[in-house]
PDB file of N, CA and C in Angstrom:
ATOM      1  N   MET A   1     -20.887 156.528 227.877  1.00  0.00           N
ATOM      2  CA  MET A   1     -20.740 155.571 228.162  1.00  0.00           C
ATOM      3  C   MET A   1     -22.079 155.058 229.560  1.00  0.00           C
ATOM      4  N   TRP A   2     -23.044 156.173 228.945  1.00  0.00           N
ATOM      5  CA  TRP A   2     -23.866 156.056 230.523  1.00  0.00           C
ATOM      6  C   TRP A   2     -24.683 154.269 229.862  1.00  0.00           C
ATOM      7  N   TYR A   3     -24.133 153.141 228.734  1.00  0.00           N
ATOM      8  CA  TYR A   3     -25.060 152.507 228.114  1.00  0.00           C
ATOM      9  C   TYR A   3     -24.081 151.343 228.587  1.00  0.00           C
ATOM     10  N   PHE A   4     -23.422 151.582 229.204  1.00  0.00           N
ATOM     11  CA  PHE A   4     -22.278 150.619 229.870  1.00  0.00           C
ATOM     12  C   PHE A   4     -23.111 150.474 230.502  1.00  0.00           C
ATOM     13  N   THR A   5     -23.262 151.390 232.020  1.00  0.00           N
ATOM     14  CA  THR A   5     -23.544 150.568 233.465  1.00  0.00           C
ATOM     15  C   THR A   5     -24.687 150.546 233.435  1.00  0.00           C
ATOM     16  N   TRP A   6     -26.061 150.712 232.078  1.00  0.00           N
ATOM     17  CA  TRP A   6     -26.841 150.460 231.825  1.00  0.00           C
ATOM     18  C   TRP A   6     -26.736 149.073 231.954  1.00  0.00           C
ATOM     19  N   ILE A   7     -25.823 148.561 230.390  1.00  0.00           N
ATOM     20  CA  ILE A   7     -25.643 147.049 230.318  1.00  0.00           C
ATOM     21  C   ILE A   7     -25.239 146.345 231.402  1.00  0.00           C
ATOM     22  N   LEU A   8     -24.588 146.669 232.724  1.00  0.00           N
ATOM     23  CA  LEU A   8     -23.900 146.193 233.032  1.00  0.00           C
ATOM     24  C   LEU A   8     -25.006 145.641 234.030  1.00  0.00           C
ATOM     25  N   GLY A   9     -25.982 146.754 234.736  1.00  0.00           N
ATOM     26  CA  GLY A   9     -27.147 146.640 235.382  1.00  0.00           C
ATOM     27  C   GLY A   9     -27.874 145.955 235.294  1.00  0.00           C
ATOM     28  N   VAL A  10     -28.376 145.896 234.247  1.00  0.00           N
ATOM     29  CA  VAL A  10     -29.336 145.016 233.136  1.00  0.00           C
ATOM     30  C   VAL A  10     -28.818 143.298 233.807  1.00  0.00           C
ATOM     31  N   GLY A  11     -27.010 143.089 233.371  1.00  0.00           N
ATOM     32  CA  GLY A  11     -26.406 141.812 232.946  1.00  0.00           C
ATOM     33  C   GLY A  11     -26.505 141.510 234.521  1.00  0.00           C
ATOM     34  N   VAL A  12     -26.802 141.967 235.870  1.00  0.00           N
ATOM     35  CA  VAL A  12     -26.823 141.912 237.406  1.00  0.00           C
ATOM     36  C   VAL A  12     -28.267 141.771 237.535  1.00  0.00           C
ATOM     37  N   ALA A  13     -28.784 142.000 237.235  1.00  0.00           N
ATOM     38  CA  ALA A  13     -30.091 141.650 237.480  1.00  0.00           C
ATOM     39  C   ALA A  13     -30.848 140.652 236.885  1.00  0.00           C
ATOM     40  N   LEU A  14     -29.851 140.050 235.894  1.00  0.00           N
ATOM     41  CA  LEU A  14     -30.349 139.220 234.921  1.00  0.00           C
ATOM     42  C   LEU A  14     -30.253 137.759 236.460  1.00  0.00           C
ATOM     43  N   ALA A  15     -28.743 138.024 236.035  1.00  0.00           N
ATOM     44  CA  ALA A  15     -27.897 136.863 236.835  1.00  0.00           C
ATOM     45  C   ALA A  15     -28.814 136.585 238.254  1.00  0.00           C
ATOM     46  N   PHE A  16     -29.131 137.662 239.043  1.00  0.00           N
ATOM     47  CA  PHE A  16     -29.540 137.475 240.033  1.00  0.00           C
ATOM     48  C   PHE A  16     -30.885 136.339 240.188  1.00  0.00           C
ATOM     49  N   GLY A  17     -31.926 136.952 239.320  1.00  0.00           N
ATOM     50  CA  GLY A  17     -32.608 136.280 239.040  1.00  0.00           C
ATOM     51  C   GLY A  17     -32.168 135.005 239.310  1.00  0.00           C
ATOM     52  N   VAL A  18     -31.307 135.022 237.973  1.00  0.00           N
ATOM     53  CA  VAL A  18     -31.236 133.363 237.322  1.00  0.00           C
ATOM     54  C   VAL A  18     -31.271 132.884 238.291  1.00  0.00           C
ATOM     55  N   ILE A  19     -30.427 132.962 239.513  1.00  0.00           N
ATOM     56  CA  ILE A  19     -29.429 132.301 240.515  1.00  0.00           C
ATOM     57  C   ILE A  19     -30.342 132.195 241.275  1.00  0.00           C
ATOM     58  N   ASN A  20     -31.153 133.603 241.215  1.00  0.00           N
ATOM     59  CA  ASN A  20     -32.314 133.459 242.838  1.00  0.00           C
ATOM     60  C   ASN A  20     -33.211 131.598 242.286  1.00  0.00           C
ATOM     61  N   VAL A  21     -33.363 131.228 241.425  1.00  0.00           N
ATOM     62  CA  VAL A  21     -34.600 130.744 240.983  1.00  0.00           C
ATOM     63  C   VAL A  21     -33.163 129.345 240.891  1.00  0.00           C
ATOM     64  N   MET A  22     -31.890 129.445 240.367  1.00  0.00           N
ATOM     65  CA  MET A  22     -31.298 128.334 240.641  1.00  0.00           C
ATOM     66  C   MET A  22     -31.207 127.803 242.195  1.00  0.00           C
ATOM     67  N   TRP A  23     -31.387 129.075 243.402  1.00  0.00           N
ATOM     68  CA  TRP A  23     -31.060 128.706 244.272  1.00  0.00           C
ATOM     69  C   TRP A  23     -32.661 127.457 245.139  1.00  0.00           C
ATOM     70  N   LEU A  24     -33.577 128.660 244.514  1.00  0.00           N
ATOM     71  CA  LEU A  24     -34.967 128.209 245.045  1.00  0.00           C
ATOM     72  C   LEU A  24     -35.655 126.966 244.650  1.00  0.00           C
ATOM     73  N   GLU A  25     -35.287 126.221 243.489  1.00  0.00           N
ATOM     74  CA  GLU A  25     -34.791 124.776 243.282  1.00  0.00           C
ATOM     75  C   GLU A  25     -34.400 123.588 243.696  1.00  0.00           C
ATOM     76  N   ALA A  26     -32.905 124.533 243.602  1.00  0.00           N
ATOM     77  CA  ALA A  26     -32.064 123.286 244.892  1.00  0.00           C
ATOM     78  C   ALA A  26     -32.789 123.402 246.324  1.00  0.00           C
ATOM     79  N   ASN A  27     -33.057 124.160 246.392  1.00  0.00           N
ATOM     80  CA  ASN A  27     -33.567 124.530 248.187  1.00  0.00           C
ATOM     81  C   ASN A  27     -34.887 123.005 248.598  1.00  0.00           C
ATOM     82  N   GLY A  28     -35.947 123.459 247.869  1.00  0.00           N
ATOM     83  CA  GLY A  28     -36.690 122.496 248.278  1.00  0.00           C
ATOM     84  C   GLY A  28     -37.457 123.594 248.451  1.00  0.00           C
ATOM     85  N   LYS A  29     -37.276 123.918 249.733  1.00  0.00           N
ATOM     86  CA  LYS A  29     -38.907 124.405 250.946  1.00  0.00           C
ATOM     87  C   LYS A  29     -39.250 125.337 250.908  1.00  0.00           C
ATOM     88  N   PHE A  30     -40.780 125.536 250.351  1.00  0.00           N
ATOM     89  CA  PHE A  30     -41.429 125.960 250.255  1.00  0.00           C
ATOM     90  C   PHE A  30     -42.448 126.521 251.267  1.00  0.00           C
ATOM     91  N   ALA A  31     -43.553 128.184 251.256  1.00  0.00           N
ATOM     92  CA  ALA A  31     -44.109 128.167 252.564  1.00  0.00           C
ATOM     93  C   ALA A  31     -45.227 127.564 252.454  1.00  0.00           C
ATOM     94  N   ARG A  32     -45.439 127.218 250.622  1.00  0.00           N
ATOM     95  CA  ARG A  32     -46.851 126.083 250.909  1.00  0.00           C
ATOM     96  C   ARG A  32     -46.354 125.351 249.778  1.00  0.00           C
ATOM     97  N   ASP A  33     -46.728 124.291 250.228  1.00  0.00           N
ATOM     98  CA  ASP A  33     -46.789 123.042 248.666  1.00  0.00           C
ATOM     99  C   ASP A  33     -48.087 122.424 248.537  1.00  0.00           C
ATOM    100  N   PRO A  34     -48.745 122.803 247.824  1.00  0.00           N
ATOM    101  CA  PRO A  34     -50.080 122.553 247.203  1.00  0.00           C
ATOM    102  C   PRO A  34     -50.303 120.642 247.026  1.00  0.00           C
ATOM    103  N   ARG A  35     -49.302 119.998 247.044  1.00  0.00           N
ATOM    104  CA  ARG A  35     -49.070 118.849 246.422  1.00  0.00           C
ATOM    105  C   ARG A  35     -48.956 118.211 248.543  1.00  0.00           C
ATOM    106  N   SER A  36     -48.601 119.317 249.603  1.00  0.00           N
ATOM    107  CA  SER A  36     -48.939 118.555 250.506  1.00  0.00           C
ATOM    108  C   SER A  36     -50.704 118.456 251.371  1.00  0.00           C
ATOM    109  N   GLY A  37     -51.740 118.886 250.879  1.00  0.00           N
ATOM    110  CA  GLY A  37     -52.379 119.019 251.358  1.00  0.00           C
ATOM    111  C   GLY A  37     -53.591 119.948 252.840  1.00  0.00           C
ATOM    112  N   GLY A  38     -51.666 120.388 253.348  1.00  0.00           N
ATOM    113  CA  GLY A  38     -51.949 121.438 254.692  1.00  0.00           C
ATOM    114  C   GLY A  38     -51.681 120.625 255.158  1.00  0.00           C
ATOM    115  N   THR A  39     -51.398 119.256 255.204  1.00  0.00           N
ATOM    116  CA  THR A  39     -51.158 118.450 256.474  1.00  0.00           C
ATOM    117  C   THR A  39     -49.420 117.529 256.478  1.00  0.00           C
ATOM    118  N   PRO A  40     -49.291 117.974 258.127  1.00  0.00           N
ATOM    119  CA  PRO A  40     -47.919 117.327 257.649  1.00  0.00           C
ATOM    120  C   PRO A  40     -47.717 115.592 257.999  1.00  0.00           C
ATOM    121  N   PRO A  41     -46.792 114.932 257.412  1.00  0.00           N
ATOM    122  CA  PRO A  41     -46.323 113.607 257.285  1.00  0.00           C
ATOM    123  C   PRO A  41     -46.482 113.278 258.490  1.00  0.00           C
ATOM    124  N   ALA A  42     -47.110 111.823 258.543  1.00  0.00           N
ATOM    125  CA  ALA A  42     -46.967 111.678 259.908  1.00  0.00           C
ATOM    126  C   ALA A  42     -45.542 110.960 260.730  1.00  0.00           C
ATOM    127  N   PRO A  43     -45.136 111.006 261.020  1.00  0.00           N
ATOM    128  CA  PRO A  43     -43.424 110.571 261.702  1.00  0.00           C
ATOM    129  C   PRO A  43     -43.265 109.316 261.196  1.00  0.00           C
ATOM    130  N   ASP A  44     -43.785 108.813 262.084  1.00  0.00           N
ATOM    131  CA  ASP A  44     -43.629 107.630 261.132  1.00  0.00           C
ATOM    132  C   ASP A  44     -44.169 106.550 259.923  1.00  0.00           C
ATOM    133  N   GLY A  45     -44.244 108.036 258.954  1.00  0.00           N
ATOM    134  CA  GLY A  45     -44.432 107.607 257.763  1.00  0.00           C
ATOM    135  C   GLY A  45     -45.362 106.666 257.741  1.00  0.00           C
ATOM    136  N   SER A  46     -46.731 107.415 258.041  1.00  0.00           N
ATOM    137  CA  SER A  46     -48.158 106.509 257.575  1.00  0.00           C
ATOM    138  C   SER A  46     -48.977 107.335 257.683  1.00  0.00           C
ATOM    139  N   THR A  47     -49.665 106.161 256.937  1.00  0.00           N
ATOM    140  CA  THR A  47     -51.032 107.754 256.046  1.00  0.00           C
ATOM    141  C   THR A  47     -52.011 108.216 257.398  1.00  0.00           C
ATOM    142  N   PRO A  48     -52.131 109.426 257.705  1.00  0.00           N
ATOM    143  CA  PRO A  48     -53.663 109.573 258.505  1.00  0.00           C
ATOM    144  C   PRO A  48     -55.107 109.810 258.039  1.00  0.00           C
ATOM    145  N   SER A  49     -55.326 109.553 259.065  1.00  0.00           N
ATOM    146  CA  SER A  49     -57.356 108.486 259.284  1.00  0.00           C
ATOM    147  C   SER A  49     -57.888 110.002 259.459  1.00  0.00           C
TER     148      SER A  49
END
């Protein structure tokens, strides 16, 4: 019966990984965004000079 717990553990780990990726995609807030260039956007929407 060890195989039942093994496959259950693998299934839970895979489900956790998939849910984590889905949450990150939906959240959209990452520590570093390469598109931003390291500067925060201007509050009035204009581009900094």
